[in-house]
Amino acid sequence: MAQVKTAFGRTAVRWCGDPAAGPGEYHVEWTVDEDITWGRNAKPATGTGPEVRPGGHCVVLRGRLNLEEDGVAVLHLDDANILLDLTDPLPDGIVGTWVELFIEREKIALYPYEL
C-alpha cells in the first residue's frame, strides 16, 4: 500500500510501481478493479469538486461521471480519467454529475509512468 497525497485529499491504495520507490512526486494512472453498481458503491456526491479520502475499509473517490461515445464510463478526478466497468446502465440524469465511488482499498491501484 502507498500513502497518496493529492491537492484534493489523501488516502492509501495499492502501489504497482517499484516496491523500493521512496516518497516523492509521481505521475500515475489510477485503476479501479471493481465493477460499479449504482446505489451500492456509487452514489450522488455530497459536495462538488474532486476528492480522495479514506472511508473506513474503502477509498472514496469524488469526481464527475461521464459516458464516452463508445459507452465506456469514466470518472473525471481532477486531471485523471479513471475507466470504470458498470454492472448496469446508469440512472437517468446521472451522466455529467458529481458522484462518489466507494471502492475497496485493495481494488484501487496506482501505476507510475514517465512523461
PDB file of N, CA and C in Angstrom:
ATOM      1  N   MET A   1       0.836  -1.178   0.000  1.00  0.00           N
ATOM      2  CA  MET A   1       0.000   0.000   0.000  1.00  0.00           C
ATOM      3  C   MET A   1       0.885   1.247   0.000  1.00  0.00           C
ATOM      4  N   ALA A   2       0.386   2.278  -0.670  1.00  0.00           N
ATOM      5  CA  ALA A   2       1.111   3.540  -0.727  1.00  0.00           C
ATOM      6  C   ALA A   2       0.238   4.640  -0.134  1.00  0.00           C
ATOM      7  N   GLN A   3       0.851   5.506   0.612  1.00  0.00           N
ATOM      8  CA  GLN A   3       0.157   6.690   1.108  1.00  0.00           C
ATOM      9  C   GLN A   3       0.134   7.708  -0.023  1.00  0.00           C
ATOM     10  N   VAL A   4      -1.052   8.162  -0.391  1.00  0.00           N
ATOM     11  CA  VAL A   4      -1.220   9.064  -1.522  1.00  0.00           C
ATOM     12  C   VAL A   4      -1.658  10.425  -1.009  1.00  0.00           C
ATOM     13  N   LYS A   5      -0.969  11.462  -1.453  1.00  0.00           N
ATOM     14  CA  LYS A   5      -1.328  12.832  -1.101  1.00  0.00           C
ATOM     15  C   LYS A   5      -1.523  13.593  -2.399  1.00  0.00           C
ATOM     16  N   THR A   6      -2.737  14.126  -2.595  1.00  0.00           N
ATOM     17  CA  THR A   6      -3.043  14.913  -3.782  1.00  0.00           C
ATOM     18  C   THR A   6      -3.494  16.300  -3.339  1.00  0.00           C
ATOM     19  N   ALA A   7      -3.708  17.174  -4.296  1.00  0.00           N
ATOM     20  CA  ALA A   7      -4.213  18.510  -3.984  1.00  0.00           C
ATOM     21  C   ALA A   7      -5.644  18.446  -3.467  1.00  0.00           C
ATOM     22  N   PHE A   8      -6.316  17.293  -3.642  1.00  0.00           N
ATOM     23  CA  PHE A   8      -7.722  17.191  -3.245  1.00  0.00           C
ATOM     24  C   PHE A   8      -7.974  16.045  -2.271  1.00  0.00           C
ATOM     25  N   GLY A   9      -6.932  15.618  -1.552  1.00  0.00           N
ATOM     26  CA  GLY A   9      -7.143  14.641  -0.498  1.00  0.00           C
ATOM     27  C   GLY A   9      -6.018  13.634  -0.356  1.00  0.00           C
ATOM     28  N   ARG A  10      -6.161  12.794   0.661  1.00  0.00           N
ATOM     29  CA  ARG A  10      -5.170  11.767   0.984  1.00  0.00           C
ATOM     30  C   ARG A  10      -5.875  10.441   1.224  1.00  0.00           C
ATOM     31  N   THR A  11      -5.148   9.375   0.960  1.00  0.00           N
ATOM     32  CA  THR A  11      -5.633   8.030   1.262  1.00  0.00           C
ATOM     33  C   THR A  11      -4.490   7.048   1.070  1.00  0.00           C
ATOM     34  N   ALA A  12      -4.778   5.765   1.209  1.00  0.00           N
ATOM     35  CA  ALA A  12      -3.801   4.708   0.944  1.00  0.00           C
ATOM     36  C   ALA A  12      -4.410   3.751  -0.079  1.00  0.00           C
ATOM     37  N   VAL A  13      -3.622   3.403  -1.103  1.00  0.00           N
ATOM     38  CA  VAL A  13      -4.072   2.484  -2.145  1.00  0.00           C
ATOM     39  C   VAL A  13      -2.916   1.567  -2.543  1.00  0.00           C
ATOM     40  N   ARG A  14      -3.223   0.587  -3.383  1.00  0.00           N
ATOM     41  CA  ARG A  14      -2.228  -0.370  -3.849  1.00  0.00           C
ATOM     42  C   ARG A  14      -1.261   0.321  -4.819  1.00  0.00           C
ATOM     43  N   TRP A  15       0.033   0.142  -4.596  1.00  0.00           N
ATOM     44  CA  TRP A  15       1.087   0.718  -5.444  1.00  0.00           C
ATOM     45  C   TRP A  15       1.595  -0.363  -6.374  1.00  0.00           C
ATOM     46  N   CYS A  16       1.596  -0.107  -7.679  1.00  0.00           N
ATOM     47  CA  CYS A  16       2.036  -1.094  -8.667  1.00  0.00           C
ATOM     48  C   CYS A  16       3.346  -0.686  -9.331  1.00  0.00           C
ATOM     49  N   GLY A  17       4.084   0.186  -8.682  1.00  0.00           N
ATOM     50  CA  GLY A  17       5.397   0.582  -9.174  1.00  0.00           C
ATOM     51  C   GLY A  17       6.487  -0.170  -8.440  1.00  0.00           C
ATOM     52  N   ASP A  18       7.692   0.325  -8.535  1.00  0.00           N
ATOM     53  CA  ASP A  18       8.839  -0.269  -7.865  1.00  0.00           C
ATOM     54  C   ASP A  18       8.587  -0.292  -6.359  1.00  0.00           C
ATOM     55  N   PRO A  19       8.632  -1.467  -5.737  1.00  0.00           N
ATOM     56  CA  PRO A  19       8.406  -1.536  -4.299  1.00  0.00           C
ATOM     57  C   PRO A  19       9.424  -0.723  -3.493  1.00  0.00           C
ATOM     58  N   ALA A  20      10.577  -0.477  -4.079  1.00  0.00           N
ATOM     59  CA  ALA A  20      11.608   0.283  -3.375  1.00  0.00           C
ATOM     60  C   ALA A  20      11.485   1.792  -3.601  1.00  0.00           C
ATOM     61  N   ALA A  21      10.481   2.218  -4.364  1.00  0.00           N
ATOM     62  CA  ALA A  21      10.310   3.653  -4.635  1.00  0.00           C
ATOM     63  C   ALA A  21      10.062   4.394  -3.332  1.00  0.00           C
ATOM     64  N   GLY A  22      10.746   5.495  -3.183  1.00  0.00           N
ATOM     65  CA  GLY A  22      10.598   6.281  -1.970  1.00  0.00           C
ATOM     66  C   GLY A  22       9.539   7.350  -2.118  1.00  0.00           C
ATOM     67  N   PRO A  23       9.303   8.087  -1.060  1.00  0.00           N
ATOM     68  CA  PRO A  23       8.345   9.192  -1.123  1.00  0.00           C
ATOM     69  C   PRO A  23       8.762  10.200  -2.185  1.00  0.00           C
ATOM     70  N   GLY A  24       7.792  10.818  -2.818  1.00  0.00           N
ATOM     71  CA  GLY A  24       8.072  11.817  -3.834  1.00  0.00           C
ATOM     72  C   GLY A  24       6.889  11.998  -4.750  1.00  0.00           C
ATOM     73  N   GLU A  25       7.081  12.849  -5.748  1.00  0.00           N
ATOM     74  CA  GLU A  25       6.020  13.093  -6.720  1.00  0.00           C
ATOM     75  C   GLU A  25       6.133  12.095  -7.854  1.00  0.00           C
ATOM     76  N   TYR A  26       4.987  11.558  -8.247  1.00  0.00           N
ATOM     77  CA  TYR A  26       4.924  10.596  -9.338  1.00  0.00           C
ATOM     78  C   TYR A  26       3.736  10.934 -10.230  1.00  0.00           C
ATOM     79  N   HIS A  27       3.874  10.687 -11.518  1.00  0.00           N
ATOM     80  CA  HIS A  27       2.740  10.732 -12.438  1.00  0.00           C
ATOM     81  C   HIS A  27       2.171   9.317 -12.418  1.00  0.00           C
ATOM     82  N   VAL A  28       0.871   9.210 -12.155  1.00  0.00           N
ATOM     83  CA  VAL A  28       0.287   7.880 -12.006  1.00  0.00           C
ATOM     84  C   VAL A  28      -1.000   7.752 -12.807  1.00  0.00           C
ATOM     85  N   GLU A  29      -1.305   6.511 -13.129  1.00  0.00           N
ATOM     86  CA  GLU A  29      -2.596   6.161 -13.700  1.00  0.00           C
ATOM     87  C   GLU A  29      -3.366   5.436 -12.603  1.00  0.00           C
ATOM     88  N   TRP A  30      -4.591   5.899 -12.352  1.00  0.00           N
ATOM     89  CA  TRP A  30      -5.464   5.257 -11.374  1.00  0.00           C
ATOM     90  C   TRP A  30      -6.250   4.157 -12.084  1.00  0.00           C
ATOM     91  N   THR A  31      -6.375   3.003 -11.448  1.00  0.00           N
ATOM     92  CA  THR A  31      -7.242   1.957 -11.975  1.00  0.00           C
ATOM     93  C   THR A  31      -8.171   1.480 -10.861  1.00  0.00           C
ATOM     94  N   VAL A  32      -9.390   1.142 -11.244  1.00  0.00           N
ATOM     95  CA  VAL A  32     -10.378   0.590 -10.317  1.00  0.00           C
ATOM     96  C   VAL A  32     -10.710  -0.810 -10.818  1.00  0.00           C
ATOM     97  N   ASP A  33     -10.429  -1.816  -9.996  1.00  0.00           N
ATOM     98  CA  ASP A  33     -10.657  -3.212 -10.356  1.00  0.00           C
ATOM     99  C   ASP A  33     -11.917  -3.750  -9.669  1.00  0.00           C
ATOM    100  N   GLU A  34     -12.961  -2.950  -9.671  1.00  0.00           N
ATOM    101  CA  GLU A  34     -14.226  -3.348  -9.064  1.00  0.00           C
ATOM    102  C   GLU A  34     -15.343  -2.832  -9.958  1.00  0.00           C
ATOM    103  N   ASP A  35     -16.336  -3.666 -10.216  1.00  0.00           N
ATOM    104  CA  ASP A  35     -17.479  -3.229 -11.007  1.00  0.00           C
ATOM    105  C   ASP A  35     -18.271  -2.189 -10.230  1.00  0.00           C
ATOM    106  N   ILE A  36     -18.776  -1.193 -10.938  1.00  0.00           N
ATOM    107  CA  ILE A  36     -19.532  -0.105 -10.327  1.00  0.00           C
ATOM    108  C   ILE A  36     -21.023  -0.416 -10.444  1.00  0.00           C
ATOM    109  N   THR A  37     -21.687  -0.417  -9.308  1.00  0.00           N
ATOM    110  CA  THR A  37     -23.122  -0.660  -9.245  1.00  0.00           C
ATOM    111  C   THR A  37     -23.777   0.535  -8.575  1.00  0.00           C
ATOM    112  N   TRP A  38     -24.600   1.255  -9.337  1.00  0.00           N
ATOM    113  CA  TRP A  38     -25.254   2.449  -8.804  1.00  0.00           C
ATOM    114  C   TRP A  38     -26.109   2.058  -7.596  1.00  0.00           C
ATOM    115  N   GLY A  39     -25.969   2.820  -6.510  1.00  0.00           N
ATOM    116  CA  GLY A  39     -26.712   2.562  -5.289  1.00  0.00           C
ATOM    117  C   GLY A  39     -25.982   1.656  -4.315  1.00  0.00           C
ATOM    118  N   ARG A  40     -24.987   0.928  -4.802  1.00  0.00           N
ATOM    119  CA  ARG A  40     -24.196   0.072  -3.911  1.00  0.00           C
ATOM    120  C   ARG A  40     -22.845   0.715  -3.634  1.00  0.00           C
ATOM    121  N   ASN A  41     -22.026   0.900  -4.671  1.00  0.00           N
ATOM    122  CA  ASN A  41     -20.714   1.528  -4.467  1.00  0.00           C
ATOM    123  C   ASN A  41     -20.562   2.834  -5.248  1.00  0.00           C
ATOM    124  N   ALA A  42     -21.671   3.351  -5.737  1.00  0.00           N
ATOM    125  CA  ALA A  42     -21.686   4.648  -6.432  1.00  0.00           C
ATOM    126  C   ALA A  42     -22.971   5.370  -6.058  1.00  0.00           C
ATOM    127  N   LYS A  43     -22.813   6.631  -5.663  1.00  0.00           N
ATOM    128  CA  LYS A  43     -23.953   7.427  -5.202  1.00  0.00           C
ATOM    129  C   LYS A  43     -23.757   8.886  -5.602  1.00  0.00           C
ATOM    130  N   PRO A  44     -24.833   9.687  -5.573  1.00  0.00           N
ATOM    131  CA  PRO A  44     -24.654  11.119  -5.814  1.00  0.00           C
ATOM    132  C   PRO A  44     -23.685  11.697  -4.774  1.00  0.00           C
ATOM    133  N   ALA A  45     -22.868  12.629  -5.193  1.00  0.00           N
ATOM    134  CA  ALA A  45     -21.883  13.234  -4.295  1.00  0.00           C
ATOM    135  C   ALA A  45     -22.553  14.146  -3.289  1.00  0.00           C
ATOM    136  N   THR A  46     -21.942  14.227  -2.110  1.00  0.00           N
ATOM    137  CA  THR A  46     -22.431  15.128  -1.069  1.00  0.00           C
ATOM    138  C   THR A  46     -21.868  16.530  -1.228  1.00  0.00           C
ATOM    139  N   GLY A  47     -20.961  16.720  -2.177  1.00  0.00           N
ATOM    140  CA  GLY A  47     -20.367  18.019  -2.444  1.00  0.00           C
ATOM    141  C   GLY A  47     -19.924  18.075  -3.892  1.00  0.00           C
ATOM    142  N   THR A  48     -19.192  19.133  -4.227  1.00  0.00           N
ATOM    143  CA  THR A  48     -18.665  19.259  -5.580  1.00  0.00           C
ATOM    144  C   THR A  48     -17.150  19.386  -5.515  1.00  0.00           C
ATOM    145  N   GLY A  49     -16.530  19.147  -6.627  1.00  0.00           N
ATOM    146  CA  GLY A  49     -15.078  19.207  -6.704  1.00  0.00           C
ATOM    147  C   GLY A  49     -14.485  17.836  -6.466  1.00  0.00           C
ATOM    148  N   PRO A  50     -13.316  17.587  -7.042  1.00  0.00           N
ATOM    149  CA  PRO A  50     -12.677  16.280  -6.862  1.00  0.00           C
ATOM    150  C   PRO A  50     -12.246  16.079  -5.422  1.00  0.00           C
ATOM    151  N   GLU A  51     -12.288  14.827  -5.005  1.00  0.00           N
ATOM    152  CA  GLU A  51     -11.851  14.495  -3.639  1.00  0.00           C
ATOM    153  C   GLU A  51     -11.435  13.034  -3.589  1.00  0.00           C
ATOM    154  N   VAL A  52     -10.410  12.771  -2.783  1.00  0.00           N
ATOM    155  CA  VAL A  52      -9.962  11.427  -2.452  1.00  0.00           C
ATOM    156  C   VAL A  52      -9.871  11.396  -0.938  1.00  0.00           C
ATOM    157  N   ARG A  53     -10.507  10.361  -0.325  1.00  0.00           N
ATOM    158  CA  ARG A  53     -10.437  10.273   1.136  1.00  0.00           C
ATOM    159  C   ARG A  53     -10.637   8.824   1.570  1.00  0.00           C
ATOM    160  N   PRO A  54     -10.113   8.493   2.748  1.00  0.00           N
ATOM    161  CA  PRO A  54     -10.390   7.165   3.275  1.00  0.00           C
ATOM    162  C   PRO A  54     -11.843   7.100   3.731  1.00  0.00           C
ATOM    163  N   GLY A  55     -12.421   5.943   3.632  1.00  0.00           N
ATOM    164  CA  GLY A  55     -13.801   5.747   4.058  1.00  0.00           C
ATOM    165  C   GLY A  55     -13.938   4.456   4.834  1.00  0.00           C
ATOM    166  N   GLY A  56     -13.183   4.310   5.915  1.00  0.00           N
ATOM    167  CA  GLY A  56     -13.195   3.062   6.670  1.00  0.00           C
ATOM    168  C   GLY A  56     -12.434   1.995   5.918  1.00  0.00           C
ATOM    169  N   HIS A  57     -13.115   0.953   5.480  1.00  0.00           N
ATOM    170  CA  HIS A  57     -12.478  -0.149   4.748  1.00  0.00           C
ATOM    171  C   HIS A  57     -12.309   0.147   3.263  1.00  0.00           C
ATOM    172  N   CYS A  58     -12.739   1.330   2.835  1.00  0.00           N
ATOM    173  CA  CYS A  58     -12.683   1.649   1.408  1.00  0.00           C
ATOM    174  C   CYS A  58     -12.041   3.014   1.180  1.00  0.00           C
ATOM    175  N   VAL A  59     -11.940   3.351  -0.100  1.00  0.00           N
ATOM    176  CA  VAL A  59     -11.472   4.670  -0.523  1.00  0.00           C
ATOM    177  C   VAL A  59     -12.647   5.340  -1.225  1.00  0.00           C
ATOM    178  N   VAL A  60     -12.857   6.605  -0.925  1.00  0.00           N
ATOM    179  CA  VAL A  60     -13.930   7.365  -1.565  1.00  0.00           C
ATOM    180  C   VAL A  60     -13.303   8.270  -2.618  1.00  0.00           C
ATOM    181  N   LEU A  61     -13.780   8.139  -3.853  1.00  0.00           N
ATOM    182  CA  LEU A  61     -13.351   8.998  -4.956  1.00  0.00           C
ATOM    183  C   LEU A  61     -14.541   9.842  -5.376  1.00  0.00           C
ATOM    184  N   ARG A  62     -14.382  11.163  -5.375  1.00  0.00           N
ATOM    185  CA  ARG A  62     -15.454  12.033  -5.856  1.00  0.00           C
ATOM    186  C   ARG A  62     -14.992  12.708  -7.136  1.00  0.00           C
ATOM    187  N   GLY A  63     -15.789  12.554  -8.179  1.00  0.00           N
ATOM    188  CA  GLY A  63     -15.475  13.152  -9.469  1.00  0.00           C
ATOM    189  C   GLY A  63     -16.726  13.235 -10.318  1.00  0.00           C
ATOM    190  N   ARG A  64     -16.548  13.723 -11.541  1.00  0.00           N
ATOM    191  CA  ARG A  64     -17.669  13.788 -12.492  1.00  0.00           C
ATOM    192  C   ARG A  64     -17.720  12.483 -13.275  1.00  0.00           C
ATOM    193  N   LEU A  65     -18.900  11.919 -13.357  1.00  0.00           N
ATOM    194  CA  LEU A  65     -19.087  10.658 -14.061  1.00  0.00           C
ATOM    195  C   LEU A  65     -19.646  10.926 -15.447  1.00  0.00           C
ATOM    196  N   ASN A  66     -18.969  10.413 -16.448  1.00  0.00           N
ATOM    197  CA  ASN A  66     -19.408  10.607 -17.831  1.00  0.00           C
ATOM    198  C   ASN A  66     -19.376   9.288 -18.583  1.00  0.00           C
ATOM    199  N   LEU A  67     -20.092   9.267 -19.695  1.00  0.00           N
ATOM    200  CA  LEU A  67     -20.046   8.143 -20.624  1.00  0.00           C
ATOM    201  C   LEU A  67     -19.433   8.637 -21.915  1.00  0.00           C
ATOM    202  N   GLU A  68     -18.451   7.913 -22.406  1.00  0.00           N
ATOM    203  CA  GLU A  68     -17.844   8.251 -23.684  1.00  0.00           C
ATOM    204  C   GLU A  68     -18.756   7.779 -24.809  1.00  0.00           C
ATOM    205  N   GLU A  69     -18.465   8.210 -26.028  1.00  0.00           N
ATOM    206  CA  GLU A  69     -19.296   7.841 -27.177  1.00  0.00           C
ATOM    207  C   GLU A  69     -19.425   6.333 -27.345  1.00  0.00           C
ATOM    208  N   ASP A  70     -18.373   5.591 -26.971  1.00  0.00           N
ATOM    209  CA  ASP A  70     -18.417   4.135 -27.114  1.00  0.00           C
ATOM    210  C   ASP A  70     -19.072   3.441 -25.921  1.00  0.00           C
ATOM    211  N   GLY A  71     -19.635   4.235 -24.987  1.00  0.00           N
ATOM    212  CA  GLY A  71     -20.340   3.675 -23.841  1.00  0.00           C
ATOM    213  C   GLY A  71     -19.483   3.398 -22.627  1.00  0.00           C
ATOM    214  N   VAL A  72     -18.196   3.683 -22.696  1.00  0.00           N
ATOM    215  CA  VAL A  72     -17.295   3.461 -21.573  1.00  0.00           C
ATOM    216  C   VAL A  72     -17.552   4.532 -20.509  1.00  0.00           C
ATOM    217  N   ALA A  73     -17.690   4.099 -19.267  1.00  0.00           N
ATOM    218  CA  ALA A  73     -17.873   5.031 -18.154  1.00  0.00           C
ATOM    219  C   ALA A  73     -16.506   5.539 -17.697  1.00  0.00           C
ATOM    220  N   VAL A  74     -16.436   6.842 -17.416  1.00  0.00           N
ATOM    221  CA  VAL A  74     -15.185   7.475 -16.995  1.00  0.00           C
ATOM    222  C   VAL A  74     -15.472   8.390 -15.818  1.00  0.00           C
ATOM    223  N   LEU A  75     -14.676   8.245 -14.763  1.00  0.00           N
ATOM    224  CA  LEU A  75     -14.731   9.182 -13.650  1.00  0.00           C
ATOM    225  C   LEU A  75     -13.626  10.194 -13.873  1.00  0.00           C
ATOM    226  N   HIS A  76     -13.993  11.471 -13.980  1.00  0.00           N
ATOM    227  CA  HIS A  76     -13.014  12.545 -14.137  1.00  0.00           C
ATOM    228  C   HIS A  76     -12.657  13.039 -12.737  1.00  0.00           C
ATOM    229  N   LEU A  77     -11.441  12.721 -12.323  1.00  0.00           N
ATOM    230  CA  LEU A  77     -10.940  13.055 -10.997  1.00  0.00           C
ATOM    231  C   LEU A  77      -9.826  14.066 -11.180  1.00  0.00           C
ATOM    232  N   ASP A  78     -10.201  15.347 -11.177  1.00  0.00           N
ATOM    233  CA  ASP A  78      -9.276  16.430 -11.468  1.00  0.00           C
ATOM    234  C   ASP A  78      -8.709  16.206 -12.866  1.00  0.00           C
ATOM    235  N   ASP A  79      -7.392  16.013 -13.016  1.00  0.00           N
ATOM    236  CA  ASP A  79      -6.832  15.812 -14.356  1.00  0.00           C
ATOM    237  C   ASP A  79      -6.652  14.333 -14.703  1.00  0.00           C
ATOM    238  N   ALA A  80      -7.138  13.433 -13.851  1.00  0.00           N
ATOM    239  CA  ALA A  80      -7.067  11.997 -14.123  1.00  0.00           C
ATOM    240  C   ALA A  80      -8.422  11.492 -14.609  1.00  0.00           C
ATOM    241  N   ASN A  81      -8.382  10.568 -15.555  1.00  0.00           N
ATOM    242  CA  ASN A  81      -9.589   9.914 -16.050  1.00  0.00           C
ATOM    243  C   ASN A  81      -9.492   8.442 -15.693  1.00  0.00           C
ATOM    244  N   ILE A  82     -10.463   7.946 -14.937  1.00  0.00           N
ATOM    245  CA  ILE A  82     -10.455   6.564 -14.485  1.00  0.00           C
ATOM    246  C   ILE A  82     -11.557   5.812 -15.218  1.00  0.00           C
ATOM    247  N   LEU A  83     -11.162   4.789 -15.984  1.00  0.00           N
ATOM    248  CA  LEU A  83     -12.134   3.974 -16.702  1.00  0.00           C
ATOM    249  C   LEU A  83     -12.833   3.043 -15.719  1.00  0.00           C
ATOM    250  N   LEU A  84     -14.142   2.892 -15.897  1.00  0.00           N
ATOM    251  CA  LEU A  84     -14.944   2.090 -14.977  1.00  0.00           C
ATOM    252  C   LEU A  84     -15.748   1.038 -15.720  1.00  0.00           C
ATOM    253  N   ASP A  85     -15.984  -0.076 -15.064  1.00  0.00           N
ATOM    254  CA  ASP A  85     -16.880  -1.112 -15.570  1.00  0.00           C
ATOM    255  C   ASP A  85     -18.188  -1.006 -14.794  1.00  0.00           C
ATOM    256  N   LEU A  86     -19.295  -0.817 -15.514  1.00  0.00           N
ATOM    257  CA  LEU A  86     -20.610  -0.706 -14.900  1.00  0.00           C
ATOM    258  C   LEU A  86     -21.328  -2.047 -14.951  1.00  0.00           C
ATOM    259  N   THR A  87     -22.041  -2.398 -13.875  1.00  0.00           N
ATOM    260  CA  THR A  87     -22.832  -3.627 -13.888  1.00  0.00           C
ATOM    261  C   THR A  87     -24.155  -3.411 -14.607  1.00  0.00           C
ATOM    262  N   ASP A  88     -24.691  -2.190 -14.554  1.00  0.00           N
ATOM    263  CA  ASP A  88     -25.981  -1.846 -15.159  1.00  0.00           C
ATOM    264  C   ASP A  88     -25.881  -0.450 -15.752  1.00  0.00           C
ATOM    265  N   PRO A  89     -26.800  -0.094 -16.639  1.00  0.00           N
ATOM    266  CA  PRO A  89     -26.820   1.292 -17.127  1.00  0.00           C
ATOM    267  C   PRO A  89     -27.047   2.266 -15.960  1.00  0.00           C
ATOM    268  N   LEU A  90     -26.513   3.460 -16.120  1.00  0.00           N
ATOM    269  CA  LEU A  90     -26.685   4.487 -15.084  1.00  0.00           C
ATOM    270  C   LEU A  90     -28.116   5.015 -15.096  1.00  0.00           C
ATOM    271  N   PRO A  91     -28.617   5.439 -13.943  1.00  0.00           N
ATOM    272  CA  PRO A  91     -29.953   6.044 -13.910  1.00  0.00           C
ATOM    273  C   PRO A  91     -29.974   7.335 -14.733  1.00  0.00           C
ATOM    274  N   ASP A  92     -31.142   7.719 -15.182  1.00  0.00           N
ATOM    275  CA  ASP A  92     -31.308   8.974 -15.919  1.00  0.00           C
ATOM    276  C   ASP A  92     -30.826  10.145 -15.076  1.00  0.00           C
ATOM    277  N   GLY A  93     -30.164  11.093 -15.727  1.00  0.00           N
ATOM    278  CA  GLY A  93     -29.739  12.319 -15.068  1.00  0.00           C
ATOM    279  C   GLY A  93     -28.429  12.234 -14.315  1.00  0.00           C
ATOM    280  N   ILE A  94     -27.770  11.089 -14.303  1.00  0.00           N
ATOM    281  CA  ILE A  94     -26.521  10.935 -13.548  1.00  0.00           C
ATOM    282  C   ILE A  94     -25.299  11.339 -14.366  1.00  0.00           C
ATOM    283  N   VAL A  95     -25.336  11.085 -15.662  1.00  0.00           N
ATOM    284  CA  VAL A  95     -24.184  11.394 -16.513  1.00  0.00           C
ATOM    285  C   VAL A  95     -23.865  12.881 -16.427  1.00  0.00           C
ATOM    286  N   GLY A  96     -22.604  13.189 -16.168  1.00  0.00           N
ATOM    287  CA  GLY A  96     -22.142  14.570 -16.081  1.00  0.00           C
ATOM    288  C   GLY A  96     -22.242  15.169 -14.691  1.00  0.00           C
ATOM    289  N   THR A  97     -22.731  14.407 -13.713  1.00  0.00           N
ATOM    290  CA  THR A  97     -22.880  14.939 -12.358  1.00  0.00           C
ATOM    291  C   THR A  97     -21.722  14.487 -11.469  1.00  0.00           C
ATOM    292  N   TRP A  98     -21.617  15.112 -10.302  1.00  0.00           N
ATOM    293  CA  TRP A  98     -20.623  14.723  -9.308  1.00  0.00           C
ATOM    294  C   TRP A  98     -21.139  13.490  -8.588  1.00  0.00           C
ATOM    295  N   VAL A  99     -20.278  12.472  -8.513  1.00  0.00           N
ATOM    296  CA  VAL A  99     -20.628  11.235  -7.833  1.00  0.00           C
ATOM    297  C   VAL A  99     -19.510  10.840  -6.885  1.00  0.00           C
ATOM    298  N   GLU A 100     -19.835   9.957  -5.970  1.00  0.00           N
ATOM    299  CA  GLU A 100     -18.834   9.380  -5.082  1.00  0.00           C
ATOM    300  C   GLU A 100     -18.825   7.874  -5.286  1.00  0.00           C
ATOM    301  N   LEU A 101     -17.618   7.334  -5.449  1.00  0.00           N
ATOM    302  CA  LEU A 101     -17.419   5.895  -5.548  1.00  0.00           C
ATOM    303  C   LEU A 101     -16.810   5.415  -4.247  1.00  0.00           C
ATOM    304  N   PHE A 102     -17.279   4.301  -3.756  1.00  0.00           N
ATOM    305  CA  PHE A 102     -16.789   3.691  -2.527  1.00  0.00           C
ATOM    306  C   PHE A 102     -16.156   2.354  -2.913  1.00  0.00           C
ATOM    307  N   ILE A 103     -14.827   2.349  -3.029  1.00  0.00           N
ATOM    308  CA  ILE A 103     -14.105   1.222  -3.587  1.00  0.00           C
ATOM    309  C   ILE A 103     -13.202   0.599  -2.519  1.00  0.00           C
ATOM    310  N   GLU A 104     -13.220  -0.727  -2.450  1.00  0.00           N
ATOM    311  CA  GLU A 104     -12.322  -1.427  -1.526  1.00  0.00           C
ATOM    312  C   GLU A 104     -10.884  -0.988  -1.806  1.00  0.00           C
ATOM    313  N   ARG A 105     -10.149  -0.694  -0.768  1.00  0.00           N
ATOM    314  CA  ARG A 105      -8.787  -0.168  -0.891  1.00  0.00           C
ATOM    315  C   ARG A 105      -7.902  -1.061  -1.774  1.00  0.00           C
ATOM    316  N   GLU A 106      -8.055  -2.376  -1.677  1.00  0.00           N
ATOM    317  CA  GLU A 106      -7.249  -3.295  -2.465  1.00  0.00           C
ATOM    318  C   GLU A 106      -7.650  -3.312  -3.933  1.00  0.00           C
ATOM    319  N   LYS A 107      -8.783  -2.701  -4.275  1.00  0.00           N
ATOM    320  CA  LYS A 107      -9.283  -2.722  -5.651  1.00  0.00           C
ATOM    321  C   LYS A 107      -8.932  -1.446  -6.419  1.00  0.00           C
ATOM    322  N   ILE A 108      -8.179  -0.552  -5.789  1.00  0.00           N
ATOM    323  CA  ILE A 108      -7.691   0.659  -6.462  1.00  0.00           C
ATOM    324  C   ILE A 108      -6.177   0.546  -6.539  1.00  0.00           C
ATOM    325  N   ALA A 109      -5.634   0.826  -7.715  1.00  0.00           N
ATOM    326  CA  ALA A 109      -4.189   0.724  -7.882  1.00  0.00           C
ATOM    327  C   ALA A 109      -3.655   1.963  -8.583  1.00  0.00           C
ATOM    328  N   LEU A 110      -2.413   2.273  -8.270  1.00  0.00           N
ATOM    329  CA  LEU A 110      -1.692   3.361  -8.924  1.00  0.00           C
ATOM    330  C   LEU A 110      -0.523   2.761  -9.702  1.00  0.00           C
ATOM    331  N   TYR A 111      -0.434   3.119 -10.978  1.00  0.00           N
ATOM    332  CA  TYR A 111       0.655   2.692 -11.849  1.00  0.00           C
ATOM    333  C   TYR A 111       1.453   3.926 -12.243  1.00  0.00           C
ATOM    334  N   PRO A 112       2.718   4.024 -11.833  1.00  0.00           N
ATOM    335  CA  PRO A 112       3.511   5.196 -12.205  1.00  0.00           C
ATOM    336  C   PRO A 112       3.915   5.129 -13.674  1.00  0.00           C
ATOM    337  N   TYR A 113       4.097   6.293 -14.273  1.00  0.00           N
ATOM    338  CA  TYR A 113       4.585   6.356 -15.654  1.00  0.00           C
ATOM    339  C   TYR A 113       5.441   7.596 -15.812  1.00  0.00           C
ATOM    340  N   GLU A 114       6.263   7.594 -16.854  1.00  0.00           N
ATOM    341  CA  GLU A 114       7.150   8.711 -17.163  1.00  0.00           C
ATOM    342  C   GLU A 114       6.493   9.578 -18.218  1.00  0.00           C
ATOM    343  N   LEU A 115       6.653  10.892 -18.118  1.00  0.00           N
ATOM    344  CA  LEU A 115       6.128  11.810 -19.137  1.00  0.00           C
ATOM    345  C   LEU A 115       7.133  11.950 -20.250  1.00  0.00           C
TER     346      LEU A 115
END
